[in-house]
Protein backbone atom coordinates (compact mmCIF):
# COMPACT_ATOMS: atom_id res chain seq x y z
CA MET A 1 0.10 0.02 -0.08
CA GLN A 2 1.23 3.34 -0.91
CA VAL A 3 0.08 6.65 0.39
CA ARG A 4 0.48 9.66 -1.98
CA PRO A 5 -0.22 13.28 -0.94
CA ILE A 6 -2.10 14.84 -3.62
CA SER A 7 -3.70 18.52 -3.95
CA PRO A 8 -7.39 18.79 -3.74
CA ASP A 9 -7.56 19.92 -7.45
CA ARG A 10 -5.26 17.33 -8.60
CA LEU A 11 -7.18 14.76 -6.81
CA ALA A 12 -10.38 15.87 -8.77
CA GLU A 13 -8.71 15.57 -12.13
CA LEU A 14 -7.19 12.15 -11.30
CA LEU A 15 -10.57 10.71 -10.19
CA ALA A 16 -12.04 12.05 -13.48
CA GLU A 17 -9.56 10.56 -15.69
CA ARG A 18 -9.94 7.25 -13.76
CA ILE A 19 -13.68 7.57 -14.09
CA THR A 20 -13.50 8.00 -18.10
CA ALA A 21 -10.73 5.42 -18.41
CA LEU A 22 -13.12 2.65 -16.64
CA PRO A 23 -13.28 -0.65 -18.83
CA GLY A 24 -16.21 -0.15 -21.12
CA ALA A 25 -16.86 3.28 -20.48
CA GLY A 26 -17.63 4.30 -23.84
CA GLY A 27 -21.01 5.83 -24.23
CA ARG A 28 -22.72 4.23 -21.43
CA TRP A 29 -23.53 5.67 -18.08
CA LEU A 30 -21.30 5.41 -15.28
CA ARG A 31 -22.48 5.53 -11.67
CA VAL A 32 -19.91 6.66 -9.08
CA ALA A 33 -20.25 7.00 -5.13
CA VAL A 34 -18.21 9.21 -3.07
CA ASP A 35 -18.56 7.80 0.56
CA GLY A 36 -17.67 9.37 3.75
CA ALA A 37 -19.06 10.81 6.87
CA ALA A 38 -20.51 14.20 6.78
CA ALA A 39 -17.23 15.69 8.52
CA ALA A 40 -15.04 14.28 5.42
CA ARG A 41 -17.27 16.34 3.12
CA PRO A 42 -17.91 13.73 0.39
CA ASP A 43 -20.40 16.36 -1.18
CA LEU A 44 -17.51 18.81 -2.11
CA LEU A 45 -15.43 16.14 -3.77
CA ALA A 46 -18.29 14.98 -5.74
CA ASP A 47 -19.14 18.70 -6.70
CA ALA A 48 -15.48 19.08 -7.55
CA LEU A 49 -15.79 16.15 -9.99
CA VAL A 50 -18.29 17.88 -12.33
CA GLU A 51 -16.06 20.41 -14.22
CA PRO A 52 -13.09 17.87 -14.81
CA LEU A 53 -15.58 15.46 -16.27
CA ARG A 54 -17.23 18.23 -18.43
CA LEU A 55 -13.92 18.98 -19.95
CA LEU A 56 -13.43 15.37 -20.57
CA GLY A 57 -16.63 15.33 -22.56
CA ARG A 58 -18.72 13.63 -19.82
CA PRO A 59 -21.65 15.49 -18.34
CA ALA A 60 -22.48 14.53 -14.83
CA LEU A 61 -25.64 14.63 -12.46
CA ARG A 62 -25.21 15.21 -8.74
CA VAL A 63 -27.34 13.33 -6.41
CA SER A 64 -26.88 13.17 -2.60
CA ALA A 65 -27.99 10.41 -0.28
CA ALA A 66 -29.42 12.74 1.93
CA GLY A 67 -32.36 13.21 -0.35
CA PHE A 68 -33.03 9.40 -0.20
CA LEU A 69 -33.66 9.04 3.45
CA ARG A 70 -36.40 6.92 4.82
CA PRO A 71 -39.47 8.91 6.50
CA ALA A 72 -39.04 10.16 9.94
CA SER A 73 -41.47 7.41 11.17
CA VAL A 74 -38.81 4.61 10.26
CA ARG A 75 -35.74 6.65 10.88
CA LEU A 76 -36.49 7.86 14.46
CA GLU A 77 -38.45 4.83 15.46
CA TYR A 78 -35.77 3.85 18.04
CA GLY A 79 -35.12 7.83 19.00
CA HIS A 80 -33.56 10.59 17.60
CA GLN A 81 -29.94 9.54 18.34
CA ASP A 82 -29.91 5.89 17.87
CA ALA A 83 -26.59 4.93 16.05
CA ASP A 84 -27.66 1.35 14.94
CA ALA A 85 -30.73 3.13 13.25
CA PHE A 86 -28.57 5.57 11.73
CA HIS A 87 -26.38 2.74 10.19
CA ASP A 88 -29.06 0.24 9.21
CA LEU A 89 -32.18 2.24 8.61
CA TRP A 90 -31.99 5.84 7.46
CA LEU A 91 -30.86 5.35 3.79
CA ASP A 92 -33.94 4.24 1.52
CA ASP A 93 -31.80 1.70 -0.39
CA ASN A 94 -34.81 0.66 -2.55
CA ALA A 95 -35.87 4.29 -3.44
CA LEU A 96 -32.23 5.12 -4.42
CA LEU A 97 -32.18 1.91 -6.72
CA ARG A 98 -35.54 2.54 -8.18
CA GLU A 99 -35.10 6.20 -8.82
CA VAL A 100 -31.32 6.71 -9.34
CA LEU A 101 -29.30 3.82 -10.02
CA ASP A 102 -31.40 1.21 -11.81
CA PRO A 103 -32.59 3.55 -14.63
CA LEU A 104 -28.73 3.85 -15.38
CA GLU A 105 -28.52 0.21 -16.02
CA PRO A 106 -27.71 -0.81 -19.74
CA GLY A 107 -30.96 -0.23 -21.59
CA GLY A 108 -32.37 2.02 -18.94
CA SER A 109 -34.33 5.06 -19.33
CA GLY A 110 -31.77 7.56 -18.16
CA ARG A 111 -34.38 9.24 -16.19
CA VAL A 112 -33.06 10.09 -12.62
CA LEU A 113 -34.93 11.82 -9.80
CA PRO A 114 -32.47 13.86 -8.12
CA SER A 115 -34.01 13.76 -4.63
CA LEU A 116 -37.12 12.21 -3.00
CA ARG A 117 -37.55 13.57 0.38
CA ASP A 118 -36.51 16.49 2.09
CA PRO A 119 -34.68 15.16 5.53
CA VAL A 120 -35.78 18.31 7.47
CA THR A 121 -39.32 18.69 6.48
CA ASP A 122 -39.86 15.08 5.94
CA ARG A 123 -41.97 15.89 2.84
CA SER A 124 -41.44 15.08 -1.02
CA THR A 125 -39.12 17.57 -2.54
CA ARG A 126 -41.37 17.40 -5.72
CA ALA A 127 -37.84 17.42 -7.56
CA PRO A 128 -38.45 17.06 -11.55
CA TYR A 129 -36.62 14.05 -13.01
CA ALA A 130 -33.49 14.78 -14.98
CA GLU A 131 -32.39 13.22 -17.99
CA LEU A 132 -28.74 11.90 -18.10
CA PRO A 133 -27.51 11.91 -21.55
CA PRO A 134 -25.71 8.53 -22.64
CA GLY A 135 -22.10 8.69 -21.67
CA GLY A 136 -23.13 10.76 -18.39
CA VAL A 137 -21.85 10.07 -14.85
CA LEU A 138 -23.95 10.14 -11.85
CA LEU A 139 -21.98 11.31 -8.93
CA LEU A 140 -23.54 10.16 -5.66
CA ASP A 141 -22.25 11.22 -2.28
CA GLY A 142 -23.39 10.32 1.36
CA PRO A 143 -22.06 8.26 4.21
CA LEU A 144 -22.38 4.48 4.79
CA LEU A 145 -22.87 3.75 1.08
CA LEU A 146 -20.57 0.66 0.96
CA GLY A 147 -21.55 -2.89 1.59
CA ARG A 148 -25.09 -2.33 0.67
CA TRP A 149 -24.85 -4.09 -3.04
CA LEU A 150 -25.64 -0.81 -4.77
CA PRO A 151 -24.64 -1.14 -8.52
CA LEU A 152 -21.83 1.35 -9.06
CA GLU A 153 -18.95 1.53 -11.52
CA LEU A 154 -16.51 3.05 -9.09
CA THR A 155 -16.51 3.77 -5.30
CA VAL A 156 -14.42 6.45 -3.75
CA HIS A 157 -14.04 6.42 0.25
CA LEU A 158 -12.92 9.71 2.26
CA ALA A 159 -11.31 8.15 5.19
CA LEU A 160 -10.86 9.80 8.54
CA SER A 161 -9.06 8.62 11.61
CA PRO A 162 -11.30 8.02 14.50
CA ALA A 163 -9.55 11.26 16.19
CA ALA A 164 -10.23 13.28 13.20
CA LEU A 165 -13.84 12.14 12.92
CA ALA A 166 -14.58 13.14 16.38
CA ARG A 167 -12.66 16.36 16.12
CA ARG A 168 -14.56 17.29 12.90
CA THR A 169 -18.07 16.16 13.83
CA PRO A 170 -20.28 18.87 15.45
CA ALA A 171 -21.31 18.15 18.92
CA ASP A 172 -25.00 17.77 18.15
CA GLN A 173 -23.95 14.92 15.73
CA ARG A 174 -21.54 12.88 17.64
CA TRP A 175 -24.04 10.35 18.64
CA THR A 176 -23.54 8.99 15.02
CA LEU A 177 -19.87 8.01 15.96
CA PRO A 178 -20.58 4.45 17.03
CA ALA A 179 -22.45 3.87 13.82
CA PHE A 180 -18.92 4.98 11.86
CA ALA A 181 -16.96 2.55 14.15
CA ARG A 182 -19.26 -0.29 13.47
CA TYR A 183 -19.21 0.68 9.53
CA GLU A 184 -15.40 0.42 9.97
CA ALA A 185 -15.58 -2.97 11.75
CA GLU A 186 -18.27 -4.65 9.65
CA THR A 187 -17.65 -3.37 6.27
CA GLY A 188 -14.08 -2.13 6.02
CA PRO A 189 -14.80 0.79 3.54
CA ALA A 190 -11.01 1.33 2.85
CA ASP A 191 -10.88 -2.05 1.63
CA ALA A 192 -14.34 -2.10 0.13
CA ALA A 193 -13.99 1.08 -1.99
CA ASP A 194 -12.17 1.03 -5.37
CA LEU A 195 -10.27 4.10 -4.22
CA THR A 196 -9.49 5.60 -0.77
CA VAL A 197 -8.35 8.92 0.11
CA ARG A 198 -7.15 10.03 3.62
CA VAL A 199 -8.74 13.46 4.51
CA ASP A 200 -7.74 14.13 8.08
CA ASP A 201 -6.55 17.23 6.72
CA PRO A 202 -8.87 18.57 4.00
CA ARG A 203 -6.20 20.87 2.82
CA HIS A 204 -3.90 17.83 2.30
CA PRO A 205 -5.75 14.77 1.04
CA ALA A 206 -3.75 11.76 0.38
CA LEU A 207 -4.42 9.07 -2.09
CA ILE A 208 -4.14 5.53 -0.87
CA GLU A 209 -3.04 3.04 -3.56
CA ARG A 210 -3.17 -0.64 -3.16
CA PRO A 211 -0.91 -2.82 -5.36
């Protein structure tokens, strides 16, 4: 295993290059997940990939897992701060498959729903469907995405040490820390992902490359 320091801009360029170089990339849709705790800001890296992909001729569509949470009645059945529920129940895998990932299978419609439910109001976002053209790239961000058998062409995990995760997680969200400890123990996201980036210092990420 090699750990290679890399600038944030170069990281986005490198990931865009790897996405477009995937076997069989051609004119098919590609589904890419940027996995990481909110403290790792996977949304920022997913956003940063849009322009480099455009320059490489691949239009991109951004979707956040936060728009596909289960209703509050399910998420909060065991209380507002249950770490196991956060790990197991919050993400609506079936809705994410139905509305985002399955339409980008070969022969699919290419019609993607960017968001389903507002996690704050717990109501439908009423977002219109978006058409991702052939050859387009879906960029999905969110926590705890690996180990769910989601159909993805590339997965990137943003890794934080336990100390960095605790330090960068706001006080009102620290109840989620046991869920991420469980994720590390049960899923091993750094090994499960195609690419892992250590982001203890977001200004100085490091790409972890396996032989």
